[in-house]
Amino acid sequence: MAFMLHRYSSNINFLPGTEGCEYVKKVRIHNCNVLNHTAICTMTKYLKKSLEHLEITSCVQMGEPILPCLVQLQSLKHLVLGDLPDMKDAKKSLSQLKEALPDCKIVYPDAEQ
């Protein structure tokens, strides 16, 4: 099962449809300018055992507060991050994620610039 948000336009603090889900394997969040770290943390609470692929790109309110939540994703195999202007230190964030998720392939082009 996959879950995708693209240009979501209302202010949300959780991802609708993730509560009670245990079998979502892929989530793609793109250009969701009102989505905040609280939504990601709530999502990880429900999907920490099943989520294998997560993409978060072009979301202006995503910053360092999502890091502790992302490292809770026990089954994560592939993480894509990009164009997250609220992430103040991309290189440090990437380093922390790689250390906490050694079995996960992490793609974060902003951290390599």
PDB file of N, CA and C in Angstrom:
ATOM      1  N   MET A   1       0.841  -1.171   0.000  1.00  0.00           N
ATOM      2  CA  MET A   1       0.000   0.000   0.000  1.00  0.00           C
ATOM      3  C   MET A   1       0.888   1.237   0.000  1.00  0.00           C
ATOM      4  N   ALA A   2       0.500   2.226  -0.779  1.00  0.00           N
ATOM      5  CA  ALA A   2       1.242   3.485  -0.844  1.00  0.00           C
ATOM      6  C   ALA A   2       0.317   4.625  -0.459  1.00  0.00           C
ATOM      7  N   PHE A   3       0.898   5.694   0.011  1.00  0.00           N
ATOM      8  CA  PHE A   3       0.151   6.867   0.439  1.00  0.00           C
ATOM      9  C   PHE A   3       0.880   8.070  -0.116  1.00  0.00           C
ATOM     10  N   MET A   4       0.164   8.986  -0.763  1.00  0.00           N
ATOM     11  CA  MET A   4       0.834  10.107  -1.420  1.00  0.00           C
ATOM     12  C   MET A   4       0.091  11.417  -1.134  1.00  0.00           C
ATOM     13  N   LEU A   5       0.835  12.447  -0.814  1.00  0.00           N
ATOM     14  CA  LEU A   5       0.284  13.792  -0.695  1.00  0.00           C
ATOM     15  C   LEU A   5       1.043  14.675  -1.667  1.00  0.00           C
ATOM     16  N   HIS A   6       0.320  15.413  -2.451  1.00  0.00           N
ATOM     17  CA  HIS A   6       0.931  16.330  -3.414  1.00  0.00           C
ATOM     18  C   HIS A   6       0.124  17.620  -3.399  1.00  0.00           C
ATOM     19  N   ARG A   7       0.770  18.709  -3.073  1.00  0.00           N
ATOM     20  CA  ARG A   7       0.124  20.024  -3.009  1.00  0.00           C
ATOM     21  C   ARG A   7      -1.104  20.027  -2.101  1.00  0.00           C
ATOM     22  N   TYR A   8      -0.957  19.420  -0.953  1.00  0.00           N
ATOM     23  CA  TYR A   8      -2.041  19.417   0.030  1.00  0.00           C
ATOM     24  C   TYR A   8      -2.219  20.836   0.527  1.00  0.00           C
ATOM     25  N   SER A   9      -3.452  21.306   0.629  1.00  0.00           N
ATOM     26  CA  SER A   9      -3.644  22.742   0.823  1.00  0.00           C
ATOM     27  C   SER A   9      -4.252  23.156   2.152  1.00  0.00           C
ATOM     28  N   SER A  10      -4.560  22.262   3.037  1.00  0.00           N
ATOM     29  CA  SER A  10      -5.076  22.701   4.331  1.00  0.00           C
ATOM     30  C   SER A  10      -4.031  22.437   5.403  1.00  0.00           C
ATOM     31  N   ASN A  11      -4.100  23.161   6.498  1.00  0.00           N
ATOM     32  CA  ASN A  11      -3.121  23.018   7.558  1.00  0.00           C
ATOM     33  C   ASN A  11      -3.424  21.754   8.339  1.00  0.00           C
ATOM     34  N   ILE A  12      -2.522  20.803   8.309  1.00  0.00           N
ATOM     35  CA  ILE A  12      -2.772  19.556   9.009  1.00  0.00           C
ATOM     36  C   ILE A  12      -1.605  19.229   9.923  1.00  0.00           C
ATOM     37  N   ASN A  13      -1.938  18.640  11.061  1.00  0.00           N
ATOM     38  CA  ASN A  13      -0.943  18.218  12.030  1.00  0.00           C
ATOM     39  C   ASN A  13      -0.803  16.707  12.062  1.00  0.00           C
ATOM     40  N   PHE A  14      -1.514  16.018  11.194  1.00  0.00           N
ATOM     41  CA  PHE A  14      -1.367  14.580  11.056  1.00  0.00           C
ATOM     42  C   PHE A  14      -1.679  14.229   9.616  1.00  0.00           C
ATOM     43  N   LEU A  15      -1.266  13.054   9.196  1.00  0.00           N
ATOM     44  CA  LEU A  15      -1.562  12.624   7.837  1.00  0.00           C
ATOM     45  C   LEU A  15      -2.839  11.807   7.865  1.00  0.00           C
ATOM     46  N   PRO A  16      -3.905  12.316   7.287  1.00  0.00           N
ATOM     47  CA  PRO A  16      -5.174  11.599   7.335  1.00  0.00           C
ATOM     48  C   PRO A  16      -5.043  10.241   6.675  1.00  0.00           C
ATOM     49  N   GLY A  17      -5.612   9.249   7.329  1.00  0.00           N
ATOM     50  CA  GLY A  17      -5.576   7.909   6.783  1.00  0.00           C
ATOM     51  C   GLY A  17      -4.463   7.046   7.342  1.00  0.00           C
ATOM     52  N   THR A  18      -3.525   7.621   8.102  1.00  0.00           N
ATOM     53  CA  THR A  18      -2.442   6.798   8.631  1.00  0.00           C
ATOM     54  C   THR A  18      -2.782   6.186   9.977  1.00  0.00           C
ATOM     55  N   GLU A  19      -3.700   6.792  10.723  1.00  0.00           N
ATOM     56  CA  GLU A  19      -4.036   6.233  12.018  1.00  0.00           C
ATOM     57  C   GLU A  19      -4.686   4.864  11.820  1.00  0.00           C
ATOM     58  N   GLY A  20      -4.186   3.890  12.549  1.00  0.00           N
ATOM     59  CA  GLY A  20      -4.707   2.534  12.438  1.00  0.00           C
ATOM     60  C   GLY A  20      -4.123   1.734  11.282  1.00  0.00           C
ATOM     61  N   CYS A  21      -3.329   2.352  10.442  1.00  0.00           N
ATOM     62  CA  CYS A  21      -2.709   1.622   9.327  1.00  0.00           C
ATOM     63  C   CYS A  21      -1.439   0.943   9.816  1.00  0.00           C
ATOM     64  N   GLU A  22      -1.289  -0.297   9.450  1.00  0.00           N
ATOM     65  CA  GLU A  22      -0.095  -1.023   9.844  1.00  0.00           C
ATOM     66  C   GLU A  22       0.679  -1.550   8.655  1.00  0.00           C
ATOM     67  N   TYR A  23       0.152  -1.394   7.444  1.00  0.00           N
ATOM     68  CA  TYR A  23       0.745  -2.052   6.293  1.00  0.00           C
ATOM     69  C   TYR A  23       1.158  -1.102   5.174  1.00  0.00           C
ATOM     70  N   VAL A  24       1.214   0.191   5.440  1.00  0.00           N
ATOM     71  CA  VAL A  24       1.659   1.144   4.429  1.00  0.00           C
ATOM     72  C   VAL A  24       3.164   0.999   4.268  1.00  0.00           C
ATOM     73  N   LYS A  25       3.618   0.801   3.045  1.00  0.00           N
ATOM     74  CA  LYS A  25       5.040   0.591   2.787  1.00  0.00           C
ATOM     75  C   LYS A  25       5.719   1.815   2.182  1.00  0.00           C
ATOM     76  N   LYS A  26       4.940   2.687   1.506  1.00  0.00           N
ATOM     77  CA  LYS A  26       5.539   3.828   0.817  1.00  0.00           C
ATOM     78  C   LYS A  26       4.681   5.077   1.037  1.00  0.00           C
ATOM     79  N   VAL A  27       5.356   6.177   1.361  1.00  0.00           N
ATOM     80  CA  VAL A  27       4.698   7.474   1.513  1.00  0.00           C
ATOM     81  C   VAL A  27       5.532   8.498   0.752  1.00  0.00           C
ATOM     82  N   ARG A  28       4.849   9.288  -0.068  1.00  0.00           N
ATOM     83  CA  ARG A  28       5.514  10.374  -0.799  1.00  0.00           C
ATOM     84  C   ARG A  28       4.791  11.675  -0.470  1.00  0.00           C
ATOM     85  N   ILE A  29       5.526  12.628   0.055  1.00  0.00           N
ATOM     86  CA  ILE A  29       4.969  13.932   0.419  1.00  0.00           C
ATOM     87  C   ILE A  29       5.738  14.972  -0.380  1.00  0.00           C
ATOM     88  N   HIS A  30       5.036  15.666  -1.259  1.00  0.00           N
ATOM     89  CA  HIS A  30       5.688  16.631  -2.139  1.00  0.00           C
ATOM     90  C   HIS A  30       4.904  17.927  -2.181  1.00  0.00           C
ATOM     91  N   ASN A  31       5.601  19.034  -2.024  1.00  0.00           N
ATOM     92  CA  ASN A  31       5.023  20.367  -2.174  1.00  0.00           C
ATOM     93  C   ASN A  31       3.834  20.590  -1.243  1.00  0.00           C
ATOM     94  N   CYS A  32       3.958  20.116  -0.015  1.00  0.00           N
ATOM     95  CA  CYS A  32       2.916  20.316   0.997  1.00  0.00           C
ATOM     96  C   CYS A  32       3.380  21.420   1.939  1.00  0.00           C
ATOM     97  N   ASN A  33       3.075  22.634   1.586  1.00  0.00           N
ATOM     98  CA  ASN A  33       3.612  23.782   2.300  1.00  0.00           C
ATOM     99  C   ASN A  33       3.026  24.008   3.677  1.00  0.00           C
ATOM    100  N   VAL A  34       1.935  23.357   4.006  1.00  0.00           N
ATOM    101  CA  VAL A  34       1.339  23.544   5.321  1.00  0.00           C
ATOM    102  C   VAL A  34       1.536  22.348   6.242  1.00  0.00           C
ATOM    103  N   LEU A  35       2.147  21.311   5.736  1.00  0.00           N
ATOM    104  CA  LEU A  35       2.405  20.120   6.542  1.00  0.00           C
ATOM    105  C   LEU A  35       3.586  20.409   7.463  1.00  0.00           C
ATOM    106  N   ASN A  36       3.461  20.052   8.731  1.00  0.00           N
ATOM    107  CA  ASN A  36       4.537  20.351   9.673  1.00  0.00           C
ATOM    108  C   ASN A  36       5.103  19.080  10.300  1.00  0.00           C
ATOM    109  N   HIS A  37       6.110  19.251  11.148  1.00  0.00           N
ATOM    110  CA  HIS A  37       6.780  18.093  11.743  1.00  0.00           C
ATOM    111  C   HIS A  37       5.855  17.260  12.615  1.00  0.00           C
ATOM    112  N   THR A  38       4.840  17.874  13.190  1.00  0.00           N
ATOM    113  CA  THR A  38       3.894  17.125  14.018  1.00  0.00           C
ATOM    114  C   THR A  38       3.205  16.040  13.200  1.00  0.00           C
ATOM    115  N   ALA A  39       2.881  16.354  11.962  1.00  0.00           N
ATOM    116  CA  ALA A  39       2.245  15.373  11.081  1.00  0.00           C
ATOM    117  C   ALA A  39       3.171  14.187  10.838  1.00  0.00           C
ATOM    118  N   ILE A  40       4.450  14.460  10.612  1.00  0.00           N
ATOM    119  CA  ILE A  40       5.411  13.392  10.364  1.00  0.00           C
ATOM    120  C   ILE A  40       5.579  12.537  11.621  1.00  0.00           C
ATOM    121  N   CYS A  41       5.655  13.176  12.769  1.00  0.00           N
ATOM    122  CA  CYS A  41       5.816  12.429  14.014  1.00  0.00           C
ATOM    123  C   CYS A  41       4.598  11.554  14.299  1.00  0.00           C
ATOM    124  N   THR A  42       3.414  12.055  14.022  1.00  0.00           N
ATOM    125  CA  THR A  42       2.204  11.248  14.193  1.00  0.00           C
ATOM    126  C   THR A  42       2.217  10.076  13.220  1.00  0.00           C
ATOM    127  N   MET A  43       2.592  10.337  11.977  1.00  0.00           N
ATOM    128  CA  MET A  43       2.649   9.276  10.978  1.00  0.00           C
ATOM    129  C   MET A  43       3.624   8.182  11.408  1.00  0.00           C
ATOM    130  N   THR A  44       4.804   8.564  11.908  1.00  0.00           N
ATOM    131  CA  THR A  44       5.792   7.557  12.280  1.00  0.00           C
ATOM    132  C   THR A  44       5.301   6.686  13.426  1.00  0.00           C
ATOM    133  N   LYS A  45       4.476   7.246  14.275  1.00  0.00           N
ATOM    134  CA  LYS A  45       3.913   6.462  15.376  1.00  0.00           C
ATOM    135  C   LYS A  45       3.097   5.291  14.832  1.00  0.00           C
ATOM    136  N   TYR A  46       2.347   5.529  13.767  1.00  0.00           N
ATOM    137  CA  TYR A  46       1.490   4.484  13.206  1.00  0.00           C
ATOM    138  C   TYR A  46       2.211   3.579  12.217  1.00  0.00           C
ATOM    139  N   LEU A  47       3.225   4.099  11.538  1.00  0.00           N
ATOM    140  CA  LEU A  47       3.842   3.347  10.446  1.00  0.00           C
ATOM    141  C   LEU A  47       5.263   2.874  10.733  1.00  0.00           C
ATOM    142  N   LYS A  48       5.699   2.985  11.977  1.00  0.00           N
ATOM    143  CA  LYS A  48       7.109   2.711  12.275  1.00  0.00           C
ATOM    144  C   LYS A  48       7.542   1.281  11.962  1.00  0.00           C
ATOM    145  N   LYS A  49       6.634   0.328  11.961  1.00  0.00           N
ATOM    146  CA  LYS A  49       7.013  -1.063  11.687  1.00  0.00           C
ATOM    147  C   LYS A  49       6.890  -1.433  10.216  1.00  0.00           C
ATOM    148  N   SER A  50       6.079  -0.697   9.445  1.00  0.00           N
ATOM    149  CA  SER A  50       5.815  -1.116   8.065  1.00  0.00           C
ATOM    150  C   SER A  50       6.455  -0.236   6.997  1.00  0.00           C
ATOM    151  N   LEU A  51       6.652   1.046   7.274  1.00  0.00           N
ATOM    152  CA  LEU A  51       7.103   1.967   6.237  1.00  0.00           C
ATOM    153  C   LEU A  51       8.522   1.644   5.773  1.00  0.00           C
ATOM    154  N   GLU A  52       8.672   1.424   4.472  1.00  0.00           N
ATOM    155  CA  GLU A  52       9.970   1.088   3.894  1.00  0.00           C
ATOM    156  C   GLU A  52      10.533   2.202   3.021  1.00  0.00           C
ATOM    157  N   HIS A  53       9.673   3.030   2.477  1.00  0.00           N
ATOM    158  CA  HIS A  53      10.103   4.072   1.534  1.00  0.00           C
ATOM    159  C   HIS A  53       9.390   5.379   1.895  1.00  0.00           C
ATOM    160  N   LEU A  54      10.162   6.426   2.115  1.00  0.00           N
ATOM    161  CA  LEU A  54       9.598   7.731   2.461  1.00  0.00           C
ATOM    162  C   LEU A  54      10.292   8.810   1.654  1.00  0.00           C
ATOM    163  N   GLU A  55       9.494   9.651   1.019  1.00  0.00           N
ATOM    164  CA  GLU A  55      10.008  10.814   0.298  1.00  0.00           C
ATOM    165  C   GLU A  55       9.346  12.056   0.869  1.00  0.00           C
ATOM    166  N   ILE A  56      10.146  13.041   1.230  1.00  0.00           N
ATOM    167  CA  ILE A  56       9.641  14.340   1.685  1.00  0.00           C
ATOM    168  C   ILE A  56      10.409  15.391   0.890  1.00  0.00           C
ATOM    169  N   THR A  57       9.715  16.051  -0.018  1.00  0.00           N
ATOM    170  CA  THR A  57      10.372  17.046  -0.869  1.00  0.00           C
ATOM    171  C   THR A  57       9.508  18.289  -1.008  1.00  0.00           C
ATOM    172  N   SER A  58      10.163  19.428  -1.102  1.00  0.00           N
ATOM    173  CA  SER A  58       9.512  20.723  -1.336  1.00  0.00           C
ATOM    174  C   SER A  58       8.430  21.026  -0.313  1.00  0.00           C
ATOM    175  N   CYS A  59       8.755  20.833   0.951  1.00  0.00           N
ATOM    176  CA  CYS A  59       7.830  21.126   2.049  1.00  0.00           C
ATOM    177  C   CYS A  59       8.482  22.185   2.935  1.00  0.00           C
ATOM    178  N   VAL A  60       7.946  23.381   2.923  1.00  0.00           N
ATOM    179  CA  VAL A  60       8.629  24.512   3.561  1.00  0.00           C
ATOM    180  C   VAL A  60       8.661  24.446   5.083  1.00  0.00           C
ATOM    181  N   GLN A  61       7.782  23.703   5.707  1.00  0.00           N
ATOM    182  CA  GLN A  61       7.763  23.656   7.172  1.00  0.00           C
ATOM    183  C   GLN A  61       8.490  22.450   7.764  1.00  0.00           C
ATOM    184  N   MET A  62       9.194  21.716   6.937  1.00  0.00           N
ATOM    185  CA  MET A  62       9.922  20.537   7.430  1.00  0.00           C
ATOM    186  C   MET A  62      11.340  20.941   7.776  1.00  0.00           C
ATOM    187  N   GLY A  63      11.713  20.706   9.014  1.00  0.00           N
ATOM    188  CA  GLY A  63      13.055  21.051   9.465  1.00  0.00           C
ATOM    189  C   GLY A  63      13.584  20.002  10.427  1.00  0.00           C
ATOM    190  N   GLU A  64      14.564  20.370  11.220  1.00  0.00           N
ATOM    191  CA  GLU A  64      15.210  19.454  12.141  1.00  0.00           C
ATOM    192  C   GLU A  64      14.260  18.732  13.094  1.00  0.00           C
ATOM    193  N   PRO A  65      13.121  19.313  13.491  1.00  0.00           N
ATOM    194  CA  PRO A  65      12.226  18.584  14.400  1.00  0.00           C
ATOM    195  C   PRO A  65      11.700  17.252  13.856  1.00  0.00           C
ATOM    196  N   ILE A  66      11.821  16.995  12.553  1.00  0.00           N
ATOM    197  CA  ILE A  66      11.363  15.700  12.039  1.00  0.00           C
ATOM    198  C   ILE A  66      12.396  14.594  12.259  1.00  0.00           C
ATOM    199  N   LEU A  67      13.647  14.948  12.530  1.00  0.00           N
ATOM    200  CA  LEU A  67      14.717  13.946  12.624  1.00  0.00           C
ATOM    201  C   LEU A  67      14.456  12.878  13.683  1.00  0.00           C
ATOM    202  N   PRO A  68      14.114  13.237  14.922  1.00  0.00           N
ATOM    203  CA  PRO A  68      13.869  12.188  15.923  1.00  0.00           C
ATOM    204  C   PRO A  68      12.707  11.265  15.536  1.00  0.00           C
ATOM    205  N   CYS A  69      11.790  11.782  14.774  1.00  0.00           N
ATOM    206  CA  CYS A  69      10.654  10.975  14.333  1.00  0.00           C
ATOM    207  C   CYS A  69      11.065  10.019  13.220  1.00  0.00           C
ATOM    208  N   LEU A  70      11.884  10.494  12.293  1.00  0.00           N
ATOM    209  CA  LEU A  70      12.319   9.646  11.180  1.00  0.00           C
ATOM    210  C   LEU A  70      13.145   8.456  11.666  1.00  0.00           C
ATOM    211  N   VAL A  71      13.949   8.652  12.669  1.00  0.00           N
ATOM    212  CA  VAL A  71      14.801   7.551  13.138  1.00  0.00           C
ATOM    213  C   VAL A  71      13.994   6.468  13.845  1.00  0.00           C
ATOM    214  N   GLN A  72      12.730   6.712  14.119  1.00  0.00           N
ATOM    215  CA  GLN A  72      11.859   5.702  14.727  1.00  0.00           C
ATOM    216  C   GLN A  72      11.324   4.703  13.712  1.00  0.00           C
ATOM    217  N   LEU A  73      11.528   4.985  12.428  1.00  0.00           N
ATOM    218  CA  LEU A  73      11.007   4.116  11.371  1.00  0.00           C
ATOM    219  C   LEU A  73      11.895   2.883  11.230  1.00  0.00           C
ATOM    220  N   GLN A  74      11.542   1.839  11.945  1.00  0.00           N
ATOM    221  CA  GLN A  74      12.366   0.639  12.083  1.00  0.00           C
ATOM    222  C   GLN A  74      12.596  -0.109  10.780  1.00  0.00           C
ATOM    223  N   SER A  75      11.656  -0.037   9.846  1.00  0.00           N
ATOM    224  CA  SER A  75      11.755  -0.811   8.602  1.00  0.00           C
ATOM    225  C   SER A  75      12.190   0.017   7.399  1.00  0.00           C
ATOM    226  N   LEU A  76      12.532   1.272   7.630  1.00  0.00           N
ATOM    227  CA  LEU A  76      12.843   2.168   6.525  1.00  0.00           C
ATOM    228  C   LEU A  76      14.086   1.700   5.757  1.00  0.00           C
ATOM    229  N   LYS A  77      13.908   1.548   4.434  1.00  0.00           N
ATOM    230  CA  LYS A  77      15.000   1.113   3.570  1.00  0.00           C
ATOM    231  C   LYS A  77      15.458   2.210   2.620  1.00  0.00           C
ATOM    232  N   HIS A  78      14.565   3.176   2.355  1.00  0.00           N
ATOM    233  CA  HIS A  78      14.885   4.219   1.387  1.00  0.00           C
ATOM    234  C   HIS A  78      14.244   5.528   1.841  1.00  0.00           C
ATOM    235  N   LEU A  79      15.054   6.559   1.994  1.00  0.00           N
ATOM    236  CA  LEU A  79      14.583   7.875   2.413  1.00  0.00           C
ATOM    237  C   LEU A  79      15.081   8.916   1.422  1.00  0.00           C
ATOM    238  N   VAL A  80      14.157   9.707   0.903  1.00  0.00           N
ATOM    239  CA  VAL A  80      14.508  10.787  -0.019  1.00  0.00           C
ATOM    240  C   VAL A  80      14.052  12.101   0.613  1.00  0.00           C
ATOM    241  N   LEU A  81      14.969  13.026   0.762  1.00  0.00           N
ATOM    242  CA  LEU A  81      14.676  14.362   1.276  1.00  0.00           C
ATOM    243  C   LEU A  81      15.198  15.371   0.270  1.00  0.00           C
ATOM    244  N   GLY A  82      14.508  16.500   0.137  1.00  0.00           N
ATOM    245  CA  GLY A  82      15.012  17.527  -0.757  1.00  0.00           C
ATOM    246  C   GLY A  82      14.167  18.775  -0.737  1.00  0.00           C
ATOM    247  N   ASP A  83      14.799  19.890  -0.987  1.00  0.00           N
ATOM    248  CA  ASP A  83      14.136  21.188  -1.031  1.00  0.00           C
ATOM    249  C   ASP A  83      13.320  21.429   0.233  1.00  0.00           C
ATOM    250  N   LEU A  84      14.006  21.343   1.373  1.00  0.00           N
ATOM    251  CA  LEU A  84      13.385  21.570   2.680  1.00  0.00           C
ATOM    252  C   LEU A  84      14.023  22.816   3.288  1.00  0.00           C
ATOM    253  N   PRO A  85      13.516  24.005   2.950  1.00  0.00           N
ATOM    254  CA  PRO A  85      14.173  25.245   3.370  1.00  0.00           C
ATOM    255  C   PRO A  85      14.248  25.442   4.878  1.00  0.00           C
ATOM    256  N   ASP A  86      13.374  24.770   5.633  1.00  0.00           N
ATOM    257  CA  ASP A  86      13.405  24.919   7.087  1.00  0.00           C
ATOM    258  C   ASP A  86      14.459  24.030   7.741  1.00  0.00           C
ATOM    259  N   MET A  87      15.103  23.175   6.950  1.00  0.00           N
ATOM    260  CA  MET A  87      16.184  22.332   7.446  1.00  0.00           C
ATOM    261  C   MET A  87      17.452  23.188   7.396  1.00  0.00           C
ATOM    262  N   LYS A  88      17.841  23.720   8.530  1.00  0.00           N
ATOM    263  CA  LYS A  88      18.906  24.718   8.580  1.00  0.00           C
ATOM    264  C   LYS A  88      20.296  24.159   8.294  1.00  0.00           C
ATOM    265  N   ASP A  89      20.566  22.947   8.739  1.00  0.00           N
ATOM    266  CA  ASP A  89      21.888  22.352   8.534  1.00  0.00           C
ATOM    267  C   ASP A  89      21.719  20.984   7.886  1.00  0.00           C
ATOM    268  N   ALA A  90      21.592  20.973   6.575  1.00  0.00           N
ATOM    269  CA  ALA A  90      21.316  19.745   5.825  1.00  0.00           C
ATOM    270  C   ALA A  90      22.429  18.713   6.013  1.00  0.00           C
ATOM    271  N   LYS A  91      23.670  19.150   6.006  1.00  0.00           N
ATOM    272  CA  LYS A  91      24.785  18.202   6.143  1.00  0.00           C
ATOM    273  C   LYS A  91      24.765  17.508   7.502  1.00  0.00           C
ATOM    274  N   LYS A  92      24.546  18.267   8.542  1.00  0.00           N
ATOM    275  CA  LYS A  92      24.484  17.692   9.886  1.00  0.00           C
ATOM    276  C   LYS A  92      23.276  16.758  10.008  1.00  0.00           C
ATOM    277  N   SER A  93      22.159  17.153   9.434  1.00  0.00           N
ATOM    278  CA  SER A  93      20.949  16.323   9.482  1.00  0.00           C
ATOM    279  C   SER A  93      21.178  15.005   8.767  1.00  0.00           C
ATOM    280  N   LEU A  94      21.817  15.059   7.603  1.00  0.00           N
ATOM    281  CA  LEU A  94      22.114  13.843   6.851  1.00  0.00           C
ATOM    282  C   LEU A  94      23.029  12.928   7.655  1.00  0.00           C
ATOM    283  N   SER A  95      24.023  13.491   8.266  1.00  0.00           N
ATOM    284  CA  SER A  95      24.948  12.708   9.079  1.00  0.00           C
ATOM    285  C   SER A  95      24.218  12.004  10.226  1.00  0.00           C
ATOM    286  N   GLN A  96      23.348  12.724  10.908  1.00  0.00           N
ATOM    287  CA  GLN A  96      22.578  12.146  12.014  1.00  0.00           C
ATOM    288  C   GLN A  96      21.677  11.012  11.528  1.00  0.00           C
ATOM    289  N   LEU A  97      21.039  11.215  10.381  1.00  0.00           N
ATOM    290  CA  LEU A  97      20.154  10.185   9.837  1.00  0.00           C
ATOM    291  C   LEU A  97      20.939   8.941   9.429  1.00  0.00           C
ATOM    292  N   LYS A  98      22.082   9.137   8.795  1.00  0.00           N
ATOM    293  CA  LYS A  98      22.896   7.987   8.372  1.00  0.00           C
ATOM    294  C   LYS A  98      23.388   7.182   9.575  1.00  0.00           C
ATOM    295  N   GLU A  99      23.720   7.877  10.632  1.00  0.00           N
ATOM    296  CA  GLU A  99      24.174   7.187  11.841  1.00  0.00           C
ATOM    297  C   GLU A  99      23.033   6.404  12.493  1.00  0.00           C
ATOM    298  N   ALA A 100      21.854   7.000  12.543  1.00  0.00           N
ATOM    299  CA  ALA A 100      20.709   6.373  13.209  1.00  0.00           C
ATOM    300  C   ALA A 100      20.034   5.300  12.361  1.00  0.00           C
ATOM    301  N   LEU A 101      20.167   5.412  11.033  1.00  0.00           N
ATOM    302  CA  LEU A 101      19.513   4.467  10.118  1.00  0.00           C
ATOM    303  C   LEU A 101      20.564   3.848   9.187  1.00  0.00           C
ATOM    304  N   PRO A 102      21.458   3.028   9.720  1.00  0.00           N
ATOM    305  CA  PRO A 102      22.574   2.526   8.915  1.00  0.00           C
ATOM    306  C   PRO A 102      22.157   1.611   7.758  1.00  0.00           C
ATOM    307  N   ASP A 103      21.010   0.989   7.834  1.00  0.00           N
ATOM    308  CA  ASP A 103      20.556   0.082   6.777  1.00  0.00           C
ATOM    309  C   ASP A 103      19.650   0.761   5.758  1.00  0.00           C
ATOM    310  N   CYS A 104      19.491   2.063   5.884  1.00  0.00           N
ATOM    311  CA  CYS A 104      18.598   2.823   5.010  1.00  0.00           C
ATOM    312  C   CYS A 104      19.428   3.599   3.980  1.00  0.00           C
ATOM    313  N   LYS A 105      19.010   3.520   2.723  1.00  0.00           N
ATOM    314  CA  LYS A 105      19.647   4.337   1.684  1.00  0.00           C
ATOM    315  C   LYS A 105      19.007   5.724   1.754  1.00  0.00           C
ATOM    316  N   ILE A 106      19.810   6.730   1.998  1.00  0.00           N
ATOM    317  CA  ILE A 106      19.300   8.094   2.161  1.00  0.00           C
ATOM    318  C   ILE A 106      19.810   8.950   1.016  1.00  0.00           C
ATOM    319  N   VAL A 107      18.876   9.601   0.347  1.00  0.00           N
ATOM    320  CA  VAL A 107      19.192  10.515  -0.750  1.00  0.00           C
ATOM    321  C   VAL A 107      18.757  11.908  -0.298  1.00  0.00           C
ATOM    322  N   TYR A 108      19.734  12.795  -0.185  1.00  0.00           N
ATOM    323  CA  TYR A 108      19.452  14.173   0.246  1.00  0.00           C
ATOM    324  C   TYR A 108      20.427  15.105  -0.482  1.00  0.00           C
ATOM    325  N   PRO A 109      20.090  15.445  -1.739  1.00  0.00           N
ATOM    326  CA  PRO A 109      20.996  16.258  -2.561  1.00  0.00           C
ATOM    327  C   PRO A 109      21.382  17.598  -1.944  1.00  0.00           C
ATOM    328  N   ASP A 110      20.502  18.209  -1.182  1.00  0.00           N
ATOM    329  CA  ASP A 110      20.809  19.514  -0.567  1.00  0.00           C
ATOM    330  C   ASP A 110      21.982  19.422   0.390  1.00  0.00           C
ATOM    331  N   ALA A 111      22.183  18.275   0.996  1.00  0.00           N
ATOM    332  CA  ALA A 111      23.260  18.096   1.967  1.00  0.00           C
ATOM    333  C   ALA A 111      24.610  17.897   1.283  1.00  0.00           C
ATOM    334  N   GLU A 112      24.586  17.652  -0.001  1.00  0.00           N
ATOM    335  CA  GLU A 112      25.829  17.387  -0.718  1.00  0.00           C
ATOM    336  C   GLU A 112      26.311  18.579  -1.521  1.00  0.00           C
ATOM    337  N   GLN A 113      25.671  19.713  -1.373  1.00  0.00           N
ATOM    338  CA  GLN A 113      26.056  20.916  -2.109  1.00  0.00           C
ATOM    339  C   GLN A 113      27.106  21.690  -1.353  1.00  0.00           C
TER     340      GLN A 113
END
